[in-house]
Amino acid sequence: MDQRKNYGFMFVLLMIFALQMEMMAQVEARVCMSPSHGYHGPCWHDHNCALVCRNEGFSGGDCVGIQRKCYCTKLC
């Protein structure tokens, strides 16, 4: 009988853990993008764009679009 109680307890703990993980996965912040003012020329490497954007006060940057422009990113 004790074994059944242990399995039931473990099942309840597993369900609580799974529900908490699902709730945490649903919380996502929006990412705002703004064209970089300091990056000039075509953007071929996200790393270079991100470095310039960090100097502009953003959290990162990505090369975007057909024209390969550098856009700075931050959570908003």
PDB file of N, CA and C in Angstrom:
ATOM      1  N   MET A   1       0.821  -1.190   0.000  1.00  0.00           N
ATOM      2  CA  MET A   1       0.000   0.000   0.000  1.00  0.00           C
ATOM      3  C   MET A   1       0.870   1.260   0.000  1.00  0.00           C
ATOM      4  N   ASP A   2       1.995   1.232   0.711  1.00  0.00           N
ATOM      5  CA  ASP A   2       2.877   2.386   0.759  1.00  0.00           C
ATOM      6  C   ASP A   2       3.467   2.706  -0.603  1.00  0.00           C
ATOM      7  N   GLN A   3       3.695   1.663  -1.392  1.00  0.00           N
ATOM      8  CA  GLN A   3       4.264   1.878  -2.718  1.00  0.00           C
ATOM      9  C   GLN A   3       3.286   2.647  -3.609  1.00  0.00           C
ATOM     10  N   ARG A   4       2.012   2.357  -3.496  1.00  0.00           N
ATOM     11  CA  ARG A   4       1.003   3.064  -4.290  1.00  0.00           C
ATOM     12  C   ARG A   4       0.947   4.541  -3.897  1.00  0.00           C
ATOM     13  N   LYS A   5       1.080   4.842  -2.623  1.00  0.00           N
ATOM     14  CA  LYS A   5       1.084   6.221  -2.165  1.00  0.00           C
ATOM     15  C   LYS A   5       2.295   6.959  -2.728  1.00  0.00           C
ATOM     16  N   ASN A   6       3.441   6.288  -2.733  1.00  0.00           N
ATOM     17  CA  ASN A   6       4.656   6.901  -3.285  1.00  0.00           C
ATOM     18  C   ASN A   6       4.502   7.192  -4.769  1.00  0.00           C
ATOM     19  N   TYR A   7       3.927   6.245  -5.518  1.00  0.00           N
ATOM     20  CA  TYR A   7       3.721   6.465  -6.955  1.00  0.00           C
ATOM     21  C   TYR A   7       2.739   7.601  -7.197  1.00  0.00           C
ATOM     22  N   GLY A   8       1.680   7.662  -6.390  1.00  0.00           N
ATOM     23  CA  GLY A   8       0.713   8.738  -6.526  1.00  0.00           C
ATOM     24  C   GLY A   8       1.337  10.091  -6.222  1.00  0.00           C
ATOM     25  N   PHE A   9       2.138  10.141  -5.179  1.00  0.00           N
ATOM     26  CA  PHE A   9       2.821  11.376  -4.802  1.00  0.00           C
ATOM     27  C   PHE A   9       3.784  11.812  -5.899  1.00  0.00           C
ATOM     28  N   MET A  10       4.539  10.880  -6.439  1.00  0.00           N
ATOM     29  CA  MET A  10       5.487  11.195  -7.515  1.00  0.00           C
ATOM     30  C   MET A  10       4.745  11.671  -8.767  1.00  0.00           C
ATOM     31  N   PHE A  11       3.597  11.069  -9.056  1.00  0.00           N
ATOM     32  CA  PHE A  11       2.807  11.476 -10.217  1.00  0.00           C
ATOM     33  C   PHE A  11       2.319  12.918 -10.051  1.00  0.00           C
ATOM     34  N   VAL A  12       1.836  13.263  -8.864  1.00  0.00           N
ATOM     35  CA  VAL A  12       1.363  14.619  -8.605  1.00  0.00           C
ATOM     36  C   VAL A  12       2.513  15.614  -8.735  1.00  0.00           C
ATOM     37  N   LEU A  13       3.686  15.290  -8.181  1.00  0.00           N
ATOM     38  CA  LEU A  13       4.847  16.171  -8.310  1.00  0.00           C
ATOM     39  C   LEU A  13       5.256  16.355  -9.768  1.00  0.00           C
ATOM     40  N   LEU A  14       5.226  15.282 -10.531  1.00  0.00           N
ATOM     41  CA  LEU A  14       5.570  15.361 -11.954  1.00  0.00           C
ATOM     42  C   LEU A  14       4.591  16.257 -12.707  1.00  0.00           C
ATOM     43  N   MET A  15       3.308  16.153 -12.395  1.00  0.00           N
ATOM     44  CA  MET A  15       2.305  16.984 -13.061  1.00  0.00           C
ATOM     45  C   MET A  15       2.500  18.463 -12.703  1.00  0.00           C
ATOM     46  N   ILE A  16       2.784  18.746 -11.441  1.00  0.00           N
ATOM     47  CA  ILE A  16       3.015  20.132 -11.029  1.00  0.00           C
ATOM     48  C   ILE A  16       4.233  20.697 -11.738  1.00  0.00           C
ATOM     49  N   PHE A  17       5.300  19.922 -11.809  1.00  0.00           N
ATOM     50  CA  PHE A  17       6.517  20.358 -12.490  1.00  0.00           C
ATOM     51  C   PHE A  17       6.249  20.632 -13.971  1.00  0.00           C
ATOM     52  N   ALA A  18       5.505  19.729 -14.617  1.00  0.00           N
ATOM     53  CA  ALA A  18       5.203  19.898 -16.047  1.00  0.00           C
ATOM     54  C   ALA A  18       4.366  21.151 -16.282  1.00  0.00           C
ATOM     55  N   LEU A  19       3.403  21.414 -15.421  1.00  0.00           N
ATOM     56  CA  LEU A  19       2.564  22.608 -15.578  1.00  0.00           C
ATOM     57  C   LEU A  19       3.369  23.884 -15.385  1.00  0.00           C
ATOM     58  N   GLN A  20       4.296  23.885 -14.427  1.00  0.00           N
ATOM     59  CA  GLN A  20       5.125  25.065 -14.212  1.00  0.00           C
ATOM     60  C   GLN A  20       6.036  25.314 -15.400  1.00  0.00           C
ATOM     61  N   MET A  21       6.596  24.262 -15.980  1.00  0.00           N
ATOM     62  CA  MET A  21       7.458  24.422 -17.147  1.00  0.00           C
ATOM     63  C   MET A  21       6.666  24.978 -18.325  1.00  0.00           C
ATOM     64  N   GLU A  22       5.437  24.524 -18.497  1.00  0.00           N
ATOM     65  CA  GLU A  22       4.601  25.014 -19.594  1.00  0.00           C
ATOM     66  C   GLU A  22       4.264  26.483 -19.397  1.00  0.00           C
ATOM     67  N   MET A  23       3.980  26.881 -18.164  1.00  0.00           N
ATOM     68  CA  MET A  23       3.657  28.282 -17.895  1.00  0.00           C
ATOM     69  C   MET A  23       4.875  29.162 -18.135  1.00  0.00           C
ATOM     70  N   MET A  24       6.056  28.701 -17.790  1.00  0.00           N
ATOM     71  CA  MET A  24       7.260  29.490 -17.998  1.00  0.00           C
ATOM     72  C   MET A  24       7.567  29.621 -19.485  1.00  0.00           C
ATOM     73  N   ALA A  25       7.275  28.615 -20.273  1.00  0.00           N
ATOM     74  CA  ALA A  25       7.564  28.656 -21.697  1.00  0.00           C
ATOM     75  C   ALA A  25       6.638  29.643 -22.417  1.00  0.00           C
ATOM     76  N   GLN A  26       5.454  29.896 -21.876  1.00  0.00           N
ATOM     77  CA  GLN A  26       4.505  30.778 -22.531  1.00  0.00           C
ATOM     78  C   GLN A  26       4.842  32.248 -22.323  1.00  0.00           C
ATOM     79  N   VAL A  27       5.624  32.567 -21.331  1.00  0.00           N
ATOM     80  CA  VAL A  27       5.961  33.955 -21.043  1.00  0.00           C
ATOM     81  C   VAL A  27       7.156  34.354 -21.900  1.00  0.00           C
ATOM     82  N   GLU A  28       6.900  35.161 -22.896  1.00  0.00           N
ATOM     83  CA  GLU A  28       7.954  35.631 -23.784  1.00  0.00           C
ATOM     84  C   GLU A  28       7.840  37.137 -23.933  1.00  0.00           C
ATOM     85  N   ALA A  29       8.973  37.786 -23.933  1.00  0.00           N
ATOM     86  CA  ALA A  29       8.981  39.232 -24.128  1.00  0.00           C
ATOM     87  C   ALA A  29       9.015  39.539 -25.621  1.00  0.00           C
ATOM     88  N   ARG A  30       8.472  40.678 -25.978  1.00  0.00           N
ATOM     89  CA  ARG A  30       8.533  41.118 -27.367  1.00  0.00           C
ATOM     90  C   ARG A  30       9.915  41.659 -27.649  1.00  0.00           C
ATOM     91  N   VAL A  31      10.348  41.505 -28.882  1.00  0.00           N
ATOM     92  CA  VAL A  31      11.638  42.038 -29.307  1.00  0.00           C
ATOM     93  C   VAL A  31      11.368  43.204 -30.244  1.00  0.00           C
ATOM     94  N   CYS A  32      11.854  44.385 -29.879  1.00  0.00           N
ATOM     95  CA  CYS A  32      11.711  45.571 -30.727  1.00  0.00           C
ATOM     96  C   CYS A  32      12.958  45.719 -31.584  1.00  0.00           C
ATOM     97  N   MET A  33      12.765  46.160 -32.819  1.00  0.00           N
ATOM     98  CA  MET A  33      13.879  46.334 -33.751  1.00  0.00           C
ATOM     99  C   MET A  33      13.917  47.772 -34.246  1.00  0.00           C
ATOM    100  N   SER A  34      15.138  48.273 -34.423  1.00  0.00           N
ATOM    101  CA  SER A  34      15.336  49.628 -34.907  1.00  0.00           C
ATOM    102  C   SER A  34      16.548  49.629 -35.831  1.00  0.00           C
ATOM    103  N   PRO A  35      16.483  50.330 -36.965  1.00  0.00           N
ATOM    104  CA  PRO A  35      17.656  50.367 -37.854  1.00  0.00           C
ATOM    105  C   PRO A  35      18.862  50.972 -37.137  1.00  0.00           C
ATOM    106  N   SER A  36      20.023  50.383 -37.348  1.00  0.00           N
ATOM    107  CA  SER A  36      21.249  50.888 -36.738  1.00  0.00           C
ATOM    108  C   SER A  36      21.657  52.192 -37.406  1.00  0.00           C
ATOM    109  N   HIS A  37      22.103  53.145 -36.596  1.00  0.00           N
ATOM    110  CA  HIS A  37      22.589  54.420 -37.122  1.00  0.00           C
ATOM    111  C   HIS A  37      24.099  54.394 -37.333  1.00  0.00           C
ATOM    112  N   GLY A  38      24.778  53.447 -36.682  1.00  0.00           N
ATOM    113  CA  GLY A  38      26.237  53.417 -36.762  1.00  0.00           C
ATOM    114  C   GLY A  38      26.792  52.398 -37.733  1.00  0.00           C
ATOM    115  N   TYR A  39      25.978  51.464 -38.203  1.00  0.00           N
ATOM    116  CA  TYR A  39      26.454  50.427 -39.121  1.00  0.00           C
ATOM    117  C   TYR A  39      26.260  50.909 -40.553  1.00  0.00           C
ATOM    118  N   HIS A  40      27.317  50.885 -41.335  1.00  0.00           N
ATOM    119  CA  HIS A  40      27.246  51.352 -42.724  1.00  0.00           C
ATOM    120  C   HIS A  40      27.618  50.225 -43.670  1.00  0.00           C
ATOM    121  N   GLY A  41      26.945  50.178 -44.800  1.00  0.00           N
ATOM    122  CA  GLY A  41      27.219  49.154 -45.798  1.00  0.00           C
ATOM    123  C   GLY A  41      26.345  47.929 -45.595  1.00  0.00           C
ATOM    124  N   PRO A  42      26.490  46.946 -46.504  1.00  0.00           N
ATOM    125  CA  PRO A  42      25.680  45.729 -46.371  1.00  0.00           C
ATOM    126  C   PRO A  42      26.086  44.931 -45.131  1.00  0.00           C
ATOM    127  N   CYS A  43      25.120  44.343 -44.511  1.00  0.00           N
ATOM    128  CA  CYS A  43      25.326  43.581 -43.276  1.00  0.00           C
ATOM    129  C   CYS A  43      25.404  42.096 -43.624  1.00  0.00           C
ATOM    130  N   TRP A  44      26.580  41.513 -43.498  1.00  0.00           N
ATOM    131  CA  TRP A  44      26.757  40.102 -43.855  1.00  0.00           C
ATOM    132  C   TRP A  44      26.897  39.208 -42.638  1.00  0.00           C
ATOM    133  N   HIS A  45      27.295  39.750 -41.484  1.00  0.00           N
ATOM    134  CA  HIS A  45      27.509  38.935 -40.288  1.00  0.00           C
ATOM    135  C   HIS A  45      26.752  39.528 -39.108  1.00  0.00           C
ATOM    136  N   ASP A  46      25.856  38.737 -38.522  1.00  0.00           N
ATOM    137  CA  ASP A  46      25.069  39.196 -37.379  1.00  0.00           C
ATOM    138  C   ASP A  46      25.958  39.632 -36.217  1.00  0.00           C
ATOM    139  N   HIS A  47      27.104  38.990 -36.062  1.00  0.00           N
ATOM    140  CA  HIS A  47      27.996  39.311 -34.949  1.00  0.00           C
ATOM    141  C   HIS A  47      28.476  40.762 -35.037  1.00  0.00           C
ATOM    142  N   ASN A  48      28.906  41.190 -36.225  1.00  0.00           N
ATOM    143  CA  ASN A  48      29.368  42.570 -36.399  1.00  0.00           C
ATOM    144  C   ASN A  48      28.240  43.566 -36.143  1.00  0.00           C
ATOM    145  N   CYS A  49      27.071  43.243 -36.630  1.00  0.00           N
ATOM    146  CA  CYS A  49      25.903  44.102 -36.412  1.00  0.00           C
ATOM    147  C   CYS A  49      25.595  44.207 -34.925  1.00  0.00           C
ATOM    148  N   ALA A  50      25.640  43.090 -34.218  1.00  0.00           N
ATOM    149  CA  ALA A  50      25.344  43.081 -32.786  1.00  0.00           C
ATOM    150  C   ALA A  50      26.353  43.922 -32.005  1.00  0.00           C
ATOM    151  N   LEU A  51      27.628  43.875 -32.390  1.00  0.00           N
ATOM    152  CA  LEU A  51      28.648  44.677 -31.710  1.00  0.00           C
ATOM    153  C   LEU A  51      28.377  46.175 -31.861  1.00  0.00           C
ATOM    154  N   VAL A  52      28.045  46.598 -33.073  1.00  0.00           N
ATOM    155  CA  VAL A  52      27.744  48.007 -33.313  1.00  0.00           C
ATOM    156  C   VAL A  52      26.497  48.411 -32.526  1.00  0.00           C
ATOM    157  N   CYS A  53      25.484  47.553 -32.520  1.00  0.00           N
ATOM    158  CA  CYS A  53      24.241  47.869 -31.807  1.00  0.00           C
ATOM    159  C   CYS A  53      24.460  47.955 -30.306  1.00  0.00           C
ATOM    160  N   ARG A  54      25.316  47.114 -29.761  1.00  0.00           N
ATOM    161  CA  ARG A  54      25.609  47.201 -28.322  1.00  0.00           C
ATOM    162  C   ARG A  54      26.265  48.527 -27.987  1.00  0.00           C
ATOM    163  N   ASN A  55      27.103  49.038 -28.897  1.00  0.00           N
ATOM    164  CA  ASN A  55      27.700  50.360 -28.682  1.00  0.00           C
ATOM    165  C   ASN A  55      26.664  51.470 -28.759  1.00  0.00           C
ATOM    166  N   GLU A  56      25.552  51.207 -29.437  1.00  0.00           N
ATOM    167  CA  GLU A  56      24.466  52.186 -29.538  1.00  0.00           C
ATOM    168  C   GLU A  56      23.477  52.054 -28.374  1.00  0.00           C
ATOM    169  N   GLY A  57      23.710  51.116 -27.460  1.00  0.00           N
ATOM    170  CA  GLY A  57      22.846  50.967 -26.294  1.00  0.00           C
ATOM    171  C   GLY A  57      21.787  49.895 -26.405  1.00  0.00           C
ATOM    172  N   PHE A  58      21.835  49.071 -27.441  1.00  0.00           N
ATOM    173  CA  PHE A  58      20.874  47.988 -27.613  1.00  0.00           C
ATOM    174  C   PHE A  58      21.463  46.693 -27.056  1.00  0.00           C
ATOM    175  N   SER A  59      20.627  45.652 -26.985  1.00  0.00           N
ATOM    176  CA  SER A  59      21.104  44.379 -26.454  1.00  0.00           C
ATOM    177  C   SER A  59      21.712  43.489 -27.532  1.00  0.00           C
ATOM    178  N   GLY A  60      21.457  43.771 -28.801  1.00  0.00           N
ATOM    179  CA  GLY A  60      22.004  42.962 -29.888  1.00  0.00           C
ATOM    180  C   GLY A  60      21.579  43.513 -31.227  1.00  0.00           C
ATOM    181  N   GLY A  61      21.842  42.726 -32.276  1.00  0.00           N
ATOM    182  CA  GLY A  61      21.468  43.154 -33.613  1.00  0.00           C
ATOM    183  C   GLY A  61      21.488  42.001 -34.593  1.00  0.00           C
ATOM    184  N   ASP A  62      20.741  42.145 -35.691  1.00  0.00           N
ATOM    185  CA  ASP A  62      20.641  41.112 -36.730  1.00  0.00           C
ATOM    186  C   ASP A  62      20.650  41.749 -38.106  1.00  0.00           C
ATOM    187  N   CYS A  63      21.206  41.017 -39.068  1.00  0.00           N
ATOM    188  CA  CYS A  63      21.130  41.423 -40.475  1.00  0.00           C
ATOM    189  C   CYS A  63      19.770  40.971 -41.007  1.00  0.00           C
ATOM    190  N   VAL A  64      19.034  41.902 -41.620  1.00  0.00           N
ATOM    191  CA  VAL A  64      17.651  41.621 -42.005  1.00  0.00           C
ATOM    192  C   VAL A  64      17.409  42.028 -43.448  1.00  0.00           C
ATOM    193  N   GLY A  65      16.569  41.251 -44.121  1.00  0.00           N
ATOM    194  CA  GLY A  65      16.054  41.622 -45.433  1.00  0.00           C
ATOM    195  C   GLY A  65      16.969  41.329 -46.594  1.00  0.00           C
ATOM    196  N   ILE A  66      16.448  41.588 -47.792  1.00  0.00           N
ATOM    197  CA  ILE A  66      17.181  41.358 -49.028  1.00  0.00           C
ATOM    198  C   ILE A  66      18.348  42.325 -49.145  1.00  0.00           C
ATOM    199  N   GLN A  67      18.165  43.548 -48.668  1.00  0.00           N
ATOM    200  CA  GLN A  67      19.220  44.559 -48.743  1.00  0.00           C
ATOM    201  C   GLN A  67      20.256  44.388 -47.639  1.00  0.00           C
ATOM    202  N   ARG A  68      20.050  43.420 -46.735  1.00  0.00           N
ATOM    203  CA  ARG A  68      20.994  43.107 -45.653  1.00  0.00           C
ATOM    204  C   ARG A  68      21.341  44.340 -44.818  1.00  0.00           C
ATOM    205  N   LYS A  69      20.328  44.912 -44.200  1.00  0.00           N
ATOM    206  CA  LYS A  69      20.512  46.068 -43.318  1.00  0.00           C
ATOM    207  C   LYS A  69      20.666  45.572 -41.882  1.00  0.00           C
ATOM    208  N   CYS A  70      21.420  46.323 -41.085  1.00  0.00           N
ATOM    209  CA  CYS A  70      21.629  45.994 -39.680  1.00  0.00           C
ATOM    210  C   CYS A  70      20.502  46.605 -38.851  1.00  0.00           C
ATOM    211  N   TYR A  71      19.767  45.763 -38.129  1.00  0.00           N
ATOM    212  CA  TYR A  71      18.724  46.219 -37.241  1.00  0.00           C
ATOM    213  C   TYR A  71      19.101  45.848 -35.806  1.00  0.00           C
ATOM    214  N   CYS A  72      19.028  46.839 -34.937  1.00  0.00           N
ATOM    215  CA  CYS A  72      19.335  46.631 -33.524  1.00  0.00           C
ATOM    216  C   CYS A  72      18.095  46.087 -32.812  1.00  0.00           C
ATOM    217  N   THR A  73      18.333  45.257 -31.803  1.00  0.00           N
ATOM    218  CA  THR A  73      17.245  44.621 -31.078  1.00  0.00           C
ATOM    219  C   THR A  73      17.363  44.898 -29.588  1.00  0.00           C
ATOM    220  N   LYS A  74      16.179  44.903 -28.927  1.00  0.00           N
ATOM    221  CA  LYS A  74      16.103  44.975 -27.475  1.00  0.00           C
ATOM    222  C   LYS A  74      14.747  44.459 -27.057  1.00  0.00           C
ATOM    223  N   LEU A  75      14.646  44.008 -25.809  1.00  0.00           N
ATOM    224  CA  LEU A  75      13.365  43.565 -25.284  1.00  0.00           C
ATOM    225  C   LEU A  75      12.542  44.791 -24.938  1.00  0.00           C
ATOM    226  N   CYS A  76      11.271  44.759 -25.302  1.00  0.00           N
ATOM    227  CA  CYS A  76      10.414  45.910 -25.015  1.00  0.00           C
ATOM    228  C   CYS A  76       9.121  45.478 -24.345  1.00  0.00           C
TER     229      CYS A  76
END
